[in-house]
Amino acid sequence: MRTMIKRIIQRFMAVGCLTLIMSIQAEAAPALRGRFTVKQADGSLLAIEQFGDEYQHWTATTDGTIVINNGHGFFIAEIDEEGQLSATNTLAHEAGHRDYEELALIKKQATRREGTEKVPIDSF
């Protein structure tokens, strides 16, 4: 009886270990590649592309502007000195529909991307 209980416990532990290993492997996945059109909070449509691998993902407009989805739409990303991305309060639009504020943030983003190796600029 003890041998049977011991075998059941060993099998249970083996299955648990395999499940844990498989779940850790499943966490790292490349970005879903492709071009998508999303509807923004203001009703406008925005074409975006996703890039990345299992270590780093990012989303950009078709002209290379990095954007972040904060749950309310895709907003222009700001890049800090460390190369980290954060969403601004400016909703992203297609190139022909951008206002002055959006264009200024995009120009600042392009300047910042040139100043850091942490932000992937060669992918655009």
Protein backbone atom coordinates (compact mmCIF):
# COMPACT_ATOMS: atom_id res chain seq x y z
CA MET A 1 0.00 0.00 0.00
CA ARG A 2 2.80 2.43 0.85
CA THR A 3 4.52 1.64 -2.43
CA MET A 4 1.37 2.46 -4.37
CA ILE A 5 0.91 5.78 -2.54
CA LYS A 6 4.59 6.59 -3.11
CA ARG A 7 4.23 5.93 -6.87
CA ILE A 8 1.09 8.06 -7.08
CA ILE A 9 2.85 10.94 -5.32
CA GLN A 10 5.91 10.58 -7.59
CA ARG A 11 3.75 10.63 -10.73
CA PHE A 12 1.81 13.63 -9.45
CA MET A 13 5.06 15.49 -8.75
CA ALA A 14 6.46 14.56 -12.17
CA VAL A 15 3.35 15.84 -13.93
CA GLY A 16 3.46 19.01 -11.84
CA CYS A 17 7.12 19.63 -12.72
CA LEU A 18 6.46 19.08 -16.43
CA THR A 19 3.50 21.44 -16.32
CA LEU A 20 5.61 24.10 -14.62
CA ILE A 21 8.42 23.74 -17.16
CA MET A 22 6.00 23.92 -20.07
CA SER A 23 4.27 27.02 -18.68
CA ILE A 24 7.60 28.81 -18.29
CA GLN A 25 8.46 28.02 -21.91
CA ALA A 26 5.03 29.19 -23.07
CA GLU A 27 5.57 32.65 -21.56
CA ALA A 28 8.22 33.65 -24.08
CA ALA A 29 6.67 34.10 -27.50
CA PRO A 30 7.38 36.27 -30.52
CA ALA A 31 5.03 39.12 -31.36
CA LEU A 32 2.11 38.37 -33.62
CA ARG A 33 3.58 39.73 -36.85
CA GLY A 34 1.50 41.57 -39.37
CA ARG A 35 -0.37 44.73 -40.13
CA PHE A 36 -3.64 45.47 -38.36
CA THR A 37 -6.18 48.26 -38.56
CA VAL A 38 -7.60 49.39 -35.23
CA LYS A 39 -10.42 51.78 -34.39
CA GLN A 40 -9.26 54.54 -32.07
CA ALA A 41 -11.30 56.09 -29.23
CA ASP A 42 -12.10 59.13 -31.40
CA GLY A 43 -13.48 56.88 -34.17
CA SER A 44 -10.47 57.19 -36.48
CA LEU A 45 -8.77 54.14 -38.00
CA LEU A 46 -5.06 53.50 -37.49
CA ALA A 47 -2.89 50.95 -39.31
CA ILE A 48 -0.34 49.41 -36.95
CA GLU A 49 2.32 46.73 -37.09
CA GLN A 50 3.72 44.60 -34.29
CA PHE A 51 7.39 43.73 -34.02
CA GLY A 52 9.54 41.80 -31.63
CA ASP A 53 10.67 38.49 -30.28
CA GLU A 54 10.26 36.64 -27.02
CA TYR A 55 12.23 39.31 -25.16
CA GLN A 56 10.96 42.61 -26.53
CA HIS A 57 7.73 43.66 -28.27
CA TRP A 58 6.65 46.98 -29.68
CA THR A 59 3.93 48.37 -31.90
CA ALA A 60 4.36 51.05 -34.53
CA THR A 61 2.35 52.86 -37.15
CA THR A 62 3.12 52.01 -40.76
CA ASP A 63 5.48 55.01 -40.95
CA GLY A 64 7.47 53.84 -37.92
CA THR A 65 6.04 55.88 -35.06
CA ILE A 66 6.11 53.76 -31.91
CA VAL A 67 2.73 53.61 -30.17
CA ILE A 68 1.45 52.05 -26.96
CA ASN A 69 -1.98 50.59 -26.28
CA ASN A 70 -3.04 51.76 -22.83
CA GLY A 71 -6.43 50.06 -22.97
CA HIS A 72 -8.17 53.15 -24.36
CA GLY A 73 -6.45 53.20 -27.76
CA PHE A 74 -2.99 53.53 -29.24
CA PHE A 75 -1.08 56.57 -28.04
CA ILE A 76 2.23 58.07 -29.15
CA ALA A 77 5.04 56.54 -27.10
CA GLU A 78 7.56 58.59 -25.21
CA ILE A 79 11.09 57.26 -24.87
CA ASP A 80 13.03 58.10 -21.72
CA GLU A 81 16.81 58.34 -21.28
CA GLU A 82 17.00 54.61 -20.51
CA GLY A 83 15.16 53.70 -23.71
CA GLN A 84 11.99 52.72 -21.83
CA LEU A 85 8.64 53.36 -23.50
CA SER A 86 5.59 54.97 -21.91
CA ALA A 87 2.32 56.23 -23.37
CA THR A 88 1.75 59.95 -23.75
CA ASN A 89 -1.73 61.50 -23.60
CA THR A 90 -1.77 61.99 -27.38
CA LEU A 91 -3.86 59.57 -29.41
CA ALA A 92 -2.07 58.32 -32.54
CA HIS A 93 -3.45 59.04 -36.02
CA GLU A 94 -2.54 58.25 -39.61
CA ALA A 95 0.19 60.47 -41.09
CA GLY A 96 -2.19 62.74 -43.01
CA HIS A 97 -4.41 63.42 -39.98
CA ARG A 98 -1.89 64.44 -37.30
CA ASP A 99 -2.03 67.73 -35.45
CA TYR A 100 0.90 69.88 -34.34
CA GLU A 101 1.16 68.28 -30.87
CA GLU A 102 1.30 64.78 -32.35
CA LEU A 103 3.92 65.80 -34.92
CA ALA A 104 6.07 67.37 -32.18
CA LEU A 105 5.96 64.17 -30.10
CA ILE A 106 6.87 62.08 -33.15
CA LYS A 107 9.83 64.35 -33.89
CA LYS A 108 10.96 64.08 -30.25
CA GLN A 109 10.56 60.29 -30.44
CA ALA A 110 12.69 60.08 -33.61
CA THR A 111 15.41 62.19 -31.97
CA ARG A 112 15.36 60.00 -28.85
CA ARG A 113 15.49 56.78 -30.91
CA GLU A 114 18.64 58.02 -32.61
CA GLY A 115 20.20 58.66 -29.19
CA THR A 116 19.76 55.19 -27.72
CA GLU A 117 20.59 51.68 -28.80
CA LYS A 118 17.89 50.17 -26.57
CA VAL A 119 15.01 51.20 -28.83
CA PRO A 120 14.84 49.17 -32.05
CA ILE A 121 15.05 51.69 -34.87
CA ASP A 122 16.35 49.43 -37.62
CA SER A 123 13.10 47.50 -37.83
CA PHE A 124 11.15 50.28 -39.48
